Amino acid sequence: MAKPSVRDKIVDAALERFHTLGFSGCSVQDIVDTAGVPKGSFYNYFKAKELLALEVLSIYGQDSNREILEDQSLPPIDRLRAHFEYMAAYYADFGYEKGCLIGNLAAEMTDNTPLLRQAIGQSLEKWTAAVTATLREGQKDGSIIASLDAEKVARFVINSWEGAVVRMKIARCRQPLDDFFAVAFPLLNRPTAE
């Protein structure tokens, strides 16, 4: 196995530090100390902390198991549940303390981080598009209520999830995520009488 490059060490450390301390609460010194590299190394690869955060956000989005939403071997509603269950398991690994990096970064946005604001918006748009497509497939196969506006429901589901994750982070337990599953999924399913 190849030894991680200095750049990779910085990115990995930033992912962990941003997720633990937040963007504003994390200094470049925190990142390089965690990476075990000299501070000057940071500036060899990144001109600003915000630019590093863009890369970290991209990696975090790739690790959210969004590809399961396209897995045609599973029914759409099962794909949707599996996607959110995957993230719930990820949060369990951290004792439900860290929350969602996307939500955490979004809560810290200011006018001083326009690139990060734009990247978070794009990440949420891609996520919304993937959930929307899955909902539409469920509407076609009859497992999801056909009269729902799939894009609006996708935004609602993601917004509800992010709110549940914030509550999870505060409570440090899975209960808010269980509430999300208990309420959101029955709202999508086509009633048997239909």
N, C-alpha and C. Protein backbone atom coordinates (compact mmCIF):
# COMPACT_ATOMS: atom_id res chain seq x y z
N MET A 1 0.85 -1.19 0.00
CA MET A 1 0.00 0.00 0.00
C MET A 1 0.89 1.25 0.00
N ALA A 2 0.56 2.19 -0.85
CA ALA A 2 1.35 3.41 -0.97
C ALA A 2 1.21 4.28 0.26
N LYS A 3 2.30 4.88 0.63
CA LYS A 3 2.32 5.80 1.76
C LYS A 3 1.57 7.08 1.36
N PRO A 4 0.69 7.59 2.24
CA PRO A 4 -0.06 8.80 1.87
C PRO A 4 0.87 9.99 1.66
N SER A 5 0.56 10.79 0.66
CA SER A 5 1.34 11.99 0.39
C SER A 5 1.06 13.03 1.47
N VAL A 6 1.91 14.04 1.53
CA VAL A 6 1.70 15.13 2.49
C VAL A 6 0.34 15.78 2.23
N ARG A 7 0.03 15.97 0.96
CA ARG A 7 -1.26 16.58 0.60
C ARG A 7 -2.42 15.72 1.12
N ASP A 8 -2.33 14.40 0.91
CA ASP A 8 -3.38 13.50 1.39
C ASP A 8 -3.51 13.55 2.91
N LYS A 9 -2.39 13.63 3.59
CA LYS A 9 -2.42 13.73 5.06
C LYS A 9 -3.14 15.00 5.50
N ILE A 10 -2.89 16.09 4.79
CA ILE A 10 -3.54 17.36 5.12
C ILE A 10 -5.04 17.27 4.88
N VAL A 11 -5.43 16.71 3.76
CA VAL A 11 -6.86 16.58 3.42
C VAL A 11 -7.56 15.66 4.43
N ASP A 12 -6.96 14.53 4.74
CA ASP A 12 -7.55 13.60 5.72
C ASP A 12 -7.69 14.25 7.09
N ALA A 13 -6.66 14.97 7.49
CA ALA A 13 -6.70 15.65 8.79
C ALA A 13 -7.78 16.73 8.80
N ALA A 14 -7.89 17.45 7.69
CA ALA A 14 -8.91 18.51 7.61
C ALA A 14 -10.31 17.93 7.67
N LEU A 15 -10.54 16.81 7.01
CA LEU A 15 -11.85 16.17 7.07
C LEU A 15 -12.21 15.86 8.52
N GLU A 16 -11.29 15.29 9.23
CA GLU A 16 -11.55 14.93 10.64
C GLU A 16 -11.71 16.18 11.51
N ARG A 17 -10.84 17.16 11.34
CA ARG A 17 -10.88 18.37 12.18
C ARG A 17 -12.10 19.23 11.88
N PHE A 18 -12.43 19.43 10.60
CA PHE A 18 -13.62 20.20 10.26
C PHE A 18 -14.87 19.53 10.81
N HIS A 19 -14.92 18.21 10.72
CA HIS A 19 -16.08 17.48 11.20
C HIS A 19 -16.19 17.55 12.72
N THR A 20 -15.06 17.59 13.40
CA THR A 20 -15.05 17.62 14.86
C THR A 20 -15.18 19.04 15.42
N LEU A 21 -14.41 19.97 14.86
CA LEU A 21 -14.34 21.33 15.42
C LEU A 21 -15.15 22.36 14.66
N GLY A 22 -15.54 22.04 13.43
CA GLY A 22 -16.19 23.03 12.58
C GLY A 22 -15.15 23.79 11.78
N PHE A 23 -15.61 24.50 10.78
CA PHE A 23 -14.71 25.26 9.91
C PHE A 23 -14.07 26.41 10.69
N SER A 24 -14.88 27.18 11.38
CA SER A 24 -14.36 28.35 12.10
C SER A 24 -13.54 27.95 13.33
N GLY A 25 -13.92 26.85 13.97
CA GLY A 25 -13.23 26.42 15.18
C GLY A 25 -11.93 25.69 14.92
N CYS A 26 -11.64 25.45 13.66
CA CYS A 26 -10.45 24.68 13.28
C CYS A 26 -9.44 25.62 12.61
N SER A 27 -8.24 25.64 13.12
CA SER A 27 -7.20 26.47 12.51
C SER A 27 -6.32 25.63 11.59
N VAL A 28 -5.57 26.32 10.75
CA VAL A 28 -4.60 25.64 9.91
C VAL A 28 -3.62 24.87 10.80
N GLN A 29 -3.27 25.45 11.93
CA GLN A 29 -2.35 24.77 12.86
C GLN A 29 -2.96 23.47 13.37
N ASP A 30 -4.26 23.47 13.69
CA ASP A 30 -4.94 22.22 14.10
C ASP A 30 -4.80 21.15 13.03
N ILE A 31 -4.98 21.56 11.79
CA ILE A 31 -4.94 20.62 10.68
C ILE A 31 -3.54 20.04 10.50
N VAL A 32 -2.53 20.88 10.45
CA VAL A 32 -1.17 20.37 10.23
C VAL A 32 -0.67 19.57 11.42
N ASP A 33 -1.08 19.97 12.64
CA ASP A 33 -0.70 19.18 13.82
C ASP A 33 -1.29 17.77 13.73
N THR A 34 -2.56 17.69 13.35
CA THR A 34 -3.21 16.38 13.20
C THR A 34 -2.57 15.58 12.07
N ALA A 35 -2.20 16.26 10.99
CA ALA A 35 -1.57 15.59 9.84
C ALA A 35 -0.12 15.20 10.13
N GLY A 36 0.48 15.86 11.12
CA GLY A 36 1.88 15.59 11.44
C GLY A 36 2.83 16.13 10.40
N VAL A 37 2.48 17.30 9.85
CA VAL A 37 3.33 17.93 8.83
C VAL A 37 3.61 19.38 9.25
N PRO A 38 4.69 19.97 8.73
CA PRO A 38 4.98 21.37 9.05
C PRO A 38 3.91 22.31 8.48
N LYS A 39 3.69 23.42 9.17
CA LYS A 39 2.66 24.37 8.74
C LYS A 39 2.91 24.88 7.32
N GLY A 40 4.16 25.08 6.96
CA GLY A 40 4.48 25.57 5.62
C GLY A 40 4.00 24.61 4.53
N SER A 41 3.89 23.33 4.86
CA SER A 41 3.40 22.34 3.89
C SER A 41 1.98 22.65 3.45
N PHE A 42 1.18 23.16 4.37
CA PHE A 42 -0.21 23.49 4.05
C PHE A 42 -0.26 24.44 2.87
N TYR A 43 0.54 25.49 2.93
CA TYR A 43 0.48 26.54 1.92
C TYR A 43 1.14 26.12 0.60
N ASN A 44 1.86 25.01 0.61
CA ASN A 44 2.38 24.47 -0.65
C ASN A 44 1.24 23.89 -1.49
N TYR A 45 0.16 23.48 -0.82
CA TYR A 45 -0.95 22.81 -1.51
C TYR A 45 -2.24 23.62 -1.54
N PHE A 46 -2.43 24.48 -0.56
CA PHE A 46 -3.68 25.24 -0.46
C PHE A 46 -3.38 26.69 -0.13
N LYS A 47 -3.95 27.60 -0.91
CA LYS A 47 -3.72 29.02 -0.67
C LYS A 47 -4.56 29.55 0.49
N ALA A 48 -5.63 28.82 0.83
CA ALA A 48 -6.53 29.26 1.91
C ALA A 48 -7.27 28.05 2.48
N LYS A 49 -7.69 28.17 3.71
CA LYS A 49 -8.43 27.11 4.39
C LYS A 49 -9.74 26.82 3.65
N GLU A 50 -10.36 27.83 3.08
CA GLU A 50 -11.61 27.63 2.34
C GLU A 50 -11.41 26.70 1.15
N LEU A 51 -10.27 26.81 0.48
CA LEU A 51 -10.00 25.94 -0.67
C LEU A 51 -9.82 24.49 -0.23
N LEU A 52 -9.22 24.29 0.91
CA LEU A 52 -9.11 22.95 1.47
C LEU A 52 -10.50 22.41 1.82
N ALA A 53 -11.33 23.26 2.38
CA ALA A 53 -12.69 22.85 2.76
C ALA A 53 -13.49 22.40 1.52
N LEU A 54 -13.24 23.00 0.37
CA LEU A 54 -13.92 22.59 -0.87
C LEU A 54 -13.57 21.14 -1.20
N GLU A 55 -12.31 20.80 -1.06
CA GLU A 55 -11.89 19.43 -1.35
C GLU A 55 -12.47 18.46 -0.33
N VAL A 56 -12.45 18.85 0.93
CA VAL A 56 -13.00 18.00 1.99
C VAL A 56 -14.49 17.76 1.74
N LEU A 57 -15.21 18.78 1.36
CA LEU A 57 -16.64 18.66 1.07
C LEU A 57 -16.89 17.67 -0.07
N SER A 58 -16.07 17.74 -1.09
CA SER A 58 -16.20 16.82 -2.22
C SER A 58 -15.99 15.37 -1.77
N ILE A 59 -14.99 15.13 -0.96
CA ILE A 59 -14.70 13.78 -0.46
C ILE A 59 -15.85 13.29 0.42
N TYR A 60 -16.34 14.16 1.27
CA TYR A 60 -17.44 13.79 2.17
C TYR A 60 -18.68 13.39 1.35
N GLY A 61 -18.98 14.13 0.30
CA GLY A 61 -20.12 13.80 -0.54
C GLY A 61 -19.97 12.45 -1.23
N GLN A 62 -18.73 12.11 -1.60
CA GLN A 62 -18.48 10.82 -2.24
C GLN A 62 -18.66 9.66 -1.26
N ASP A 63 -18.47 9.94 0.02
CA ASP A 63 -18.57 8.89 1.04
C ASP A 63 -19.99 8.75 1.62
N SER A 64 -20.99 9.38 0.99
CA SER A 64 -22.34 9.34 1.54
C SER A 64 -23.22 8.26 0.93
N ASN A 65 -22.62 7.39 0.11
CA ASN A 65 -23.33 6.25 -0.48
C ASN A 65 -24.50 6.69 -1.36
N ARG A 66 -24.34 7.81 -2.05
CA ARG A 66 -25.40 8.27 -2.95
C ARG A 66 -25.57 7.33 -4.14
N GLU A 67 -24.51 6.58 -4.47
CA GLU A 67 -24.59 5.67 -5.61
C GLU A 67 -25.64 4.59 -5.42
N ILE A 68 -25.98 4.28 -4.18
CA ILE A 68 -27.02 3.26 -3.95
C ILE A 68 -28.37 3.73 -4.50
N LEU A 69 -28.55 5.04 -4.60
CA LEU A 69 -29.80 5.57 -5.14
C LEU A 69 -29.99 5.19 -6.61
N GLU A 70 -28.91 4.79 -7.28
CA GLU A 70 -28.98 4.38 -8.69
C GLU A 70 -28.96 2.87 -8.86
N ASP A 71 -28.92 2.11 -7.79
CA ASP A 71 -28.81 0.65 -7.85
C ASP A 71 -30.14 0.04 -8.29
N GLN A 72 -30.21 -0.30 -9.57
CA GLN A 72 -31.45 -0.81 -10.15
C GLN A 72 -31.85 -2.19 -9.63
N SER A 73 -30.97 -2.86 -8.89
CA SER A 73 -31.32 -4.17 -8.36
C SER A 73 -32.23 -4.07 -7.13
N LEU A 74 -32.39 -2.86 -6.61
CA LEU A 74 -33.26 -2.63 -5.44
C LEU A 74 -34.45 -1.77 -5.83
N PRO A 75 -35.61 -2.00 -5.22
CA PRO A 75 -36.75 -1.09 -5.45
C PRO A 75 -36.38 0.32 -4.99
N PRO A 76 -36.93 1.34 -5.64
CA PRO A 76 -36.57 2.72 -5.31
C PRO A 76 -36.71 3.07 -3.82
N ILE A 77 -37.80 2.68 -3.19
CA ILE A 77 -38.00 3.04 -1.78
C ILE A 77 -36.95 2.36 -0.90
N ASP A 78 -36.53 1.16 -1.27
CA ASP A 78 -35.49 0.46 -0.52
C ASP A 78 -34.14 1.14 -0.70
N ARG A 79 -33.89 1.64 -1.91
CA ARG A 79 -32.65 2.39 -2.16
C ARG A 79 -32.59 3.65 -1.31
N LEU A 80 -33.71 4.34 -1.27
CA LEU A 80 -33.77 5.57 -0.49
C LEU A 80 -33.52 5.29 0.99
N ARG A 81 -34.18 4.28 1.51
CA ARG A 81 -33.97 3.91 2.92
C ARG A 81 -32.53 3.47 3.16
N ALA A 82 -31.98 2.66 2.27
CA ALA A 82 -30.61 2.18 2.44
C ALA A 82 -29.61 3.33 2.45
N HIS A 83 -29.87 4.34 1.61
CA HIS A 83 -28.99 5.52 1.57
C HIS A 83 -28.97 6.22 2.93
N PHE A 84 -30.14 6.48 3.47
CA PHE A 84 -30.20 7.18 4.76
C PHE A 84 -29.74 6.28 5.91
N GLU A 85 -30.01 4.99 5.84
CA GLU A 85 -29.53 4.06 6.87
C GLU A 85 -28.00 3.99 6.87
N TYR A 86 -27.41 4.07 5.69
CA TYR A 86 -25.95 4.07 5.58
C TYR A 86 -25.38 5.26 6.36
N MET A 87 -25.98 6.43 6.15
CA MET A 87 -25.50 7.62 6.85
C MET A 87 -25.75 7.51 8.35
N ALA A 88 -26.88 6.94 8.74
CA ALA A 88 -27.16 6.76 10.17
C ALA A 88 -26.10 5.87 10.81
N ALA A 89 -25.69 4.82 10.10
CA ALA A 89 -24.63 3.94 10.61
C ALA A 89 -23.30 4.68 10.72
N TYR A 90 -23.05 5.56 9.75
CA TYR A 90 -21.83 6.38 9.78
C TYR A 90 -21.82 7.26 11.02
N TYR A 91 -22.94 7.88 11.32
CA TYR A 91 -23.03 8.73 12.51
C TYR A 91 -22.89 7.91 13.79
N ALA A 92 -23.39 6.69 13.77
CA ALA A 92 -23.26 5.81 14.94
C ALA A 92 -21.79 5.56 15.25
N ASP A 93 -20.98 5.44 14.21
CA ASP A 93 -19.54 5.21 14.41
C ASP A 93 -18.89 6.34 15.20
N PHE A 94 -19.48 7.52 15.16
CA PHE A 94 -18.95 8.68 15.89
C PHE A 94 -19.75 8.98 17.16
N GLY A 95 -20.55 8.02 17.59
CA GLY A 95 -21.34 8.24 18.80
C GLY A 95 -22.38 9.33 18.65
N TYR A 96 -22.79 9.59 17.40
CA TYR A 96 -23.82 10.59 17.09
C TYR A 96 -23.41 12.01 17.50
N GLU A 97 -22.13 12.27 17.65
CA GLU A 97 -21.66 13.56 18.15
C GLU A 97 -21.29 14.58 17.07
N LYS A 98 -20.91 14.12 15.88
CA LYS A 98 -20.36 15.05 14.90
C LYS A 98 -21.38 15.65 13.94
N GLY A 99 -22.47 14.98 13.70
CA GLY A 99 -23.45 15.49 12.76
C GLY A 99 -22.99 15.32 11.33
N CYS A 100 -23.64 16.02 10.43
CA CYS A 100 -23.35 15.97 9.00
C CYS A 100 -22.41 17.12 8.66
N LEU A 101 -21.31 16.81 8.02
CA LEU A 101 -20.34 17.85 7.67
C LEU A 101 -20.97 18.92 6.79
N ILE A 102 -21.83 18.52 5.85
CA ILE A 102 -22.48 19.50 4.97
C ILE A 102 -23.32 20.47 5.81
N GLY A 103 -24.14 19.92 6.70
CA GLY A 103 -24.97 20.77 7.57
C GLY A 103 -24.14 21.62 8.50
N ASN A 104 -23.08 21.04 9.05
CA ASN A 104 -22.21 21.79 9.96
C ASN A 104 -21.57 22.98 9.24
N LEU A 105 -21.04 22.72 8.06
CA LEU A 105 -20.42 23.81 7.29
C LEU A 105 -21.45 24.85 6.87
N ALA A 106 -22.63 24.38 6.47
CA ALA A 106 -23.67 25.32 6.06
C ALA A 106 -24.06 26.26 7.21
N ALA A 107 -24.09 25.73 8.41
CA ALA A 107 -24.46 26.54 9.57
C ALA A 107 -23.42 27.62 9.86
N GLU A 108 -22.21 27.43 9.38
CA GLU A 108 -21.13 28.39 9.63
C GLU A 108 -20.91 29.38 8.49
N MET A 109 -21.66 29.27 7.42
CA MET A 109 -21.42 30.09 6.24
C MET A 109 -21.52 31.57 6.56
N THR A 110 -20.61 32.31 5.94
CA THR A 110 -20.62 33.77 6.04
C THR A 110 -20.33 34.33 4.65
N ASP A 111 -20.39 35.62 4.53
CA ASP A 111 -20.04 36.27 3.27
C ASP A 111 -18.55 36.12 2.96
N ASN A 112 -17.77 35.73 3.97
CA ASN A 112 -16.32 35.57 3.78
C ASN A 112 -15.95 34.22 3.16
N THR A 113 -16.92 33.35 2.96
CA THR A 113 -16.64 32.03 2.38
C THR A 113 -17.57 31.75 1.19
N PRO A 114 -17.53 32.60 0.17
CA PRO A 114 -18.46 32.44 -0.95
C PRO A 114 -18.25 31.15 -1.74
N LEU A 115 -17.02 30.70 -1.87
CA LEU A 115 -16.76 29.48 -2.62
C LEU A 115 -17.32 28.27 -1.90
N LEU A 116 -17.19 28.26 -0.59
CA LEU A 116 -17.73 27.16 0.20
C LEU A 116 -19.26 27.17 0.17
N ARG A 117 -19.85 28.34 0.26
CA ARG A 117 -21.31 28.46 0.16
C ARG A 117 -21.81 27.89 -1.17
N GLN A 118 -21.12 28.25 -2.25
CA GLN A 118 -21.49 27.76 -3.58
C GLN A 118 -21.33 26.24 -3.67
N ALA A 119 -20.23 25.72 -3.13
CA ALA A 119 -19.99 24.27 -3.18
C ALA A 119 -21.03 23.50 -2.37
N ILE A 120 -21.42 24.03 -1.23
CA ILE A 120 -22.45 23.37 -0.42
C ILE A 120 -23.78 23.38 -1.18
N GLY A 121 -24.09 24.50 -1.80
CA GLY A 121 -25.31 24.58 -2.60
C GLY A 121 -25.32 23.57 -3.73
N GLN A 122 -24.19 23.41 -4.40
CA GLN A 122 -24.08 22.43 -5.49
C GLN A 122 -24.19 21.01 -4.97
N SER A 123 -23.59 20.75 -3.83
CA SER A 123 -23.67 19.41 -3.24
C SER A 123 -25.12 19.07 -2.89
N LEU A 124 -25.82 20.03 -2.31
CA LEU A 124 -27.23 19.80 -1.97
C LEU A 124 -28.08 19.63 -3.23
N GLU A 125 -27.76 20.37 -4.29
CA GLU A 125 -28.49 20.22 -5.55
C GLU A 125 -28.29 18.83 -6.14
N LYS A 126 -27.06 18.32 -6.12
CA LYS A 126 -26.79 16.97 -6.64
C LYS A 126 -27.52 15.92 -5.81
N TRP A 127 -27.49 16.08 -4.50
CA TRP A 127 -28.17 15.15 -3.61
C TRP A 127 -29.67 15.18 -3.88
N THR A 128 -30.22 16.39 -4.02
CA THR A 128 -31.64 16.55 -4.31
C THR A 128 -32.00 15.89 -5.64
N ALA A 129 -31.16 16.06 -6.65
CA ALA A 129 -31.43 15.45 -7.96
C ALA A 129 -31.44 13.93 -7.86
N ALA A 130 -30.52 13.37 -7.09
CA ALA A 130 -30.46 11.90 -6.93
C ALA A 130 -31.69 11.38 -6.20
N VAL A 131 -32.10 12.06 -5.15
CA VAL A 131 -33.30 11.65 -4.41
C VAL A 131 -34.54 11.83 -5.27
N THR A 132 -34.61 12.94 -6.02
CA THR A 132 -35.74 13.19 -6.91
C THR A 132 -35.88 12.07 -7.93
N ALA A 133 -34.78 11.69 -8.56
CA ALA A 133 -34.81 10.62 -9.56
C ALA A 133 -35.31 9.31 -8.95
N THR A 134 -34.87 9.03 -7.75
CA THR A 134 -35.30 7.80 -7.06
C THR A 134 -36.79 7.85 -6.75
N LEU A 135 -37.26 8.99 -6.28
CA LEU A 135 -38.69 9.15 -6.01
C LEU A 135 -39.52 8.97 -7.28
N ARG A 136 -39.05 9.54 -8.38
CA ARG A 136 -39.79 9.43 -9.65
C ARG A 136 -39.86 7.97 -10.11
N GLU A 137 -38.79 7.23 -9.90
CA GLU A 137 -38.82 5.81 -10.25
C GLU A 137 -39.86 5.08 -9.40
N GLY A 138 -39.92 5.43 -8.12
CA GLY A 138 -40.92 4.83 -7.24
C GLY A 138 -42.34 5.21 -7.65
N GLN A 139 -42.50 6.42 -8.15
CA GLN A 139 -43.82 6.83 -8.63
C GLN A 139 -44.20 6.03 -9.87
N LYS A 140 -43.23 5.76 -10.74
CA LYS A 140 -43.51 4.98 -11.95
C LYS A 140 -43.88 3.53 -11.61
N ASP A 141 -43.21 2.95 -10.60
CA ASP A 141 -43.52 1.55 -10.28
C ASP A 141 -44.68 1.42 -9.30
N GLY A 142 -45.24 2.57 -8.86
CA GLY A 142 -46.41 2.56 -8.00
C GLY A 142 -46.13 2.43 -6.52
N SER A 143 -44.87 2.39 -6.11
CA SER A 143 -44.56 2.23 -4.68
C SER A 143 -44.55 3.55 -3.93
N ILE A 144 -44.49 4.66 -4.65
CA ILE A 144 -44.50 6.00 -4.05
C ILE A 144 -45.67 6.77 -4.64
N ILE A 145 -46.34 7.51 -3.81
CA ILE A 145 -47.53 8.26 -4.22
C ILE A 145 -47.24 9.10 -5.47
N ALA A 146 -47.99 8.85 -6.52
CA ALA A 146 -47.74 9.48 -7.82
C ALA A 146 -48.03 10.97 -7.83
N SER A 147 -48.94 11.44 -6.98
CA SER A 147 -49.33 12.85 -7.03
C SER A 147 -48.34 13.77 -6.32
N LEU A 148 -47.34 13.23 -5.66
CA LEU A 148 -46.36 14.06 -4.97
C LEU A 148 -45.45 14.76 -5.99
N ASP A 149 -45.06 15.99 -5.67
CA ASP A 149 -44.06 16.70 -6.46
C ASP A 149 -42.71 16.16 -6.02
N ALA A 150 -42.11 15.31 -6.85
CA ALA A 150 -40.90 14.58 -6.46
C ALA A 150 -39.75 15.49 -6.04
N GLU A 151 -39.54 16.57 -6.76
CA GLU A 151 -38.43 17.47 -6.42
C GLU A 151 -38.68 18.18 -5.09
N LYS A 152 -39.90 18.63 -4.88
CA LYS A 152 -40.24 19.30 -3.63
C LYS A 152 -40.11 18.32 -2.46
N VAL A 153 -40.57 17.09 -2.66
CA VAL A 153 -40.48 16.07 -1.62
C VAL A 153 -39.01 15.73 -1.35
N ALA A 154 -38.19 15.66 -2.40
CA ALA A 154 -36.76 15.39 -2.22
C ALA A 154 -36.13 16.46 -1.34
N ARG A 155 -36.43 17.73 -1.62
CA ARG A 155 -35.90 18.82 -0.79
C ARG A 155 -36.39 18.68 0.65
N PHE A 156 -37.67 18.36 0.80
CA PHE A 156 -38.24 18.19 2.14
C PHE A 156 -37.56 17.04 2.89
N VAL A 157 -37.36 15.92 2.22
CA VAL A 157 -36.72 14.75 2.86
C VAL A 157 -35.31 15.11 3.30
N ILE A 158 -34.55 15.76 2.43
CA ILE A 158 -33.18 16.14 2.77
C ILE A 158 -33.17 17.17 3.89
N ASN A 159 -34.04 18.17 3.81
CA ASN A 159 -34.12 19.17 4.88
C ASN A 159 -34.51 18.53 6.20
N SER A 160 -35.45 17.60 6.15
CA SER A 160 -35.88 16.90 7.36
C SER A 160 -34.73 16.06 7.93
N TRP A 161 -34.01 15.40 7.05
CA TRP A 161 -32.86 14.60 7.48
C TRP A 161 -31.82 15.49 8.16
N GLU A 162 -31.49 16.60 7.52
CA GLU A 162 -30.49 17.50 8.10
C GLU A 162 -30.93 18.04 9.45
N GLY A 163 -32.22 18.34 9.59
CA GLY A 163 -32.73 18.78 10.89
C GLY A 163 -32.64 17.68 11.93
N ALA A 164 -32.97 16.45 11.53
CA ALA A 164 -32.87 15.31 12.44
C ALA A 164 -31.42 15.09 12.86
N VAL A 165 -30.50 15.31 11.93
CA VAL A 165 -29.07 15.12 12.24
C VAL A 165 -28.59 16.18 13.23
N VAL A 166 -29.07 17.41 13.09
CA VAL A 166 -28.71 18.45 14.07
C VAL A 166 -29.23 18.05 15.45
N ARG A 167 -30.47 17.60 15.51
CA ARG A 167 -31.04 17.16 16.79
C ARG A 167 -30.29 15.96 17.34
N MET A 168 -29.88 15.04 16.47
CA MET A 168 -29.08 13.87 16.86
C MET A 168 -27.77 14.32 17.50
N LYS A 169 -27.13 15.31 16.89
CA LYS A 169 -25.86 15.82 17.40
C LYS A 169 -26.03 16.43 18.78
N ILE A 170 -27.13 17.10 18.99
CA ILE A 170 -27.40 17.71 20.30
C ILE A 170 -27.68 16.63 21.34
N ALA A 171 -28.54 15.67 20.99
CA ALA A 171 -28.95 14.61 21.92
C ALA A 171 -27.90 13.50 22.05
N ARG A 172 -27.03 13.40 21.05
CA ARG A 172 -26.01 12.35 21.02
C ARG A 172 -26.62 10.96 21.08
N CYS A 173 -27.69 10.81 20.28
CA CYS A 173 -28.34 9.50 20.20
C CYS A 173 -29.05 9.39 18.85
N ARG A 174 -29.50 8.19 18.53
CA ARG A 174 -30.12 7.90 17.24
C ARG A 174 -31.60 8.30 17.18
N GLN A 175 -32.23 8.58 18.29
CA GLN A 175 -33.67 8.81 18.32
C GLN A 175 -34.18 9.79 17.26
N PRO A 176 -33.55 10.95 17.05
CA PRO A 176 -34.04 11.84 16.00
C PRO A 176 -34.02 11.21 14.60
N LEU A 177 -33.04 10.34 14.35
CA LEU A 177 -32.99 9.66 13.05
C LEU A 177 -34.10 8.63 12.95
N ASP A 178 -34.37 7.94 14.04
CA ASP A 178 -35.49 7.00 14.06
C ASP A 178 -36.81 7.72 13.82
N ASP A 179 -36.95 8.91 14.40
CA ASP A 179 -38.15 9.72 14.16
C ASP A 179 -38.28 10.06 12.68
N PHE A 180 -37.15 10.41 12.06
CA PHE A 180 -37.15 10.71 10.62
C PHE A 180 -37.67 9.51 9.83
N PHE A 181 -37.12 8.33 10.09
CA PHE A 181 -37.54 7.13 9.36
C PHE A 181 -39.02 6.81 9.62
N ALA A 182 -39.45 6.99 10.87
CA ALA A 182 -40.82 6.64 11.24
C ALA A 182 -41.85 7.56 10.59
N VAL A 183 -41.47 8.81 10.31
CA VAL A 183 -42.42 9.77 9.75
C VAL A 183 -42.25 9.94 8.24
N ALA A 184 -41.03 10.09 7.77
CA ALA A 184 -40.81 10.42 6.36
C ALA A 184 -41.21 9.29 5.41
N PHE A 185 -40.83 8.08 5.71
CA PHE A 185 -41.07 7.00 4.76
C PHE A 185 -42.55 6.63 4.62
N PRO A 186 -43.32 6.59 5.70
CA PRO A 186 -44.75 6.32 5.51
C PRO A 186 -45.46 7.41 4.69
N LEU A 187 -44.96 8.63 4.70
CA LEU A 187 -45.57 9.69 3.90
C LEU A 187 -45.36 9.47 2.40
N LEU A 188 -44.34 8.69 2.05
CA LEU A 188 -44.03 8.46 0.64
C LEU A 188 -44.78 7.26 0.06
N ASN A 189 -45.02 6.29 0.89
CA ASN A 189 -45.59 5.02 0.41
C ASN A 189 -47.04 5.20 -0.05
N ARG A 190 -47.33 4.56 -1.17
CA ARG A 190 -48.68 4.56 -1.70
C ARG A 190 -49.57 3.77 -0.74
N PRO A 191 -50.67 4.35 -0.27
CA PRO A 191 -51.57 3.60 0.59
C PRO A 191 -52.09 2.35 -0.11
N THR A 192 -52.30 1.29 0.64
CA THR A 192 -52.76 0.04 0.03
C THR A 192 -54.14 0.17 -0.57
N ALA A 193 -54.95 1.09 -0.09
CA ALA A 193 -56.31 1.27 -0.61
C ALA A 193 -56.30 2.00 -1.95
N GLU A 194 -55.17 2.61 -2.31
CA GLU A 194 -55.11 3.40 -3.55
C GLU A 194 -55.18 2.52 -4.77
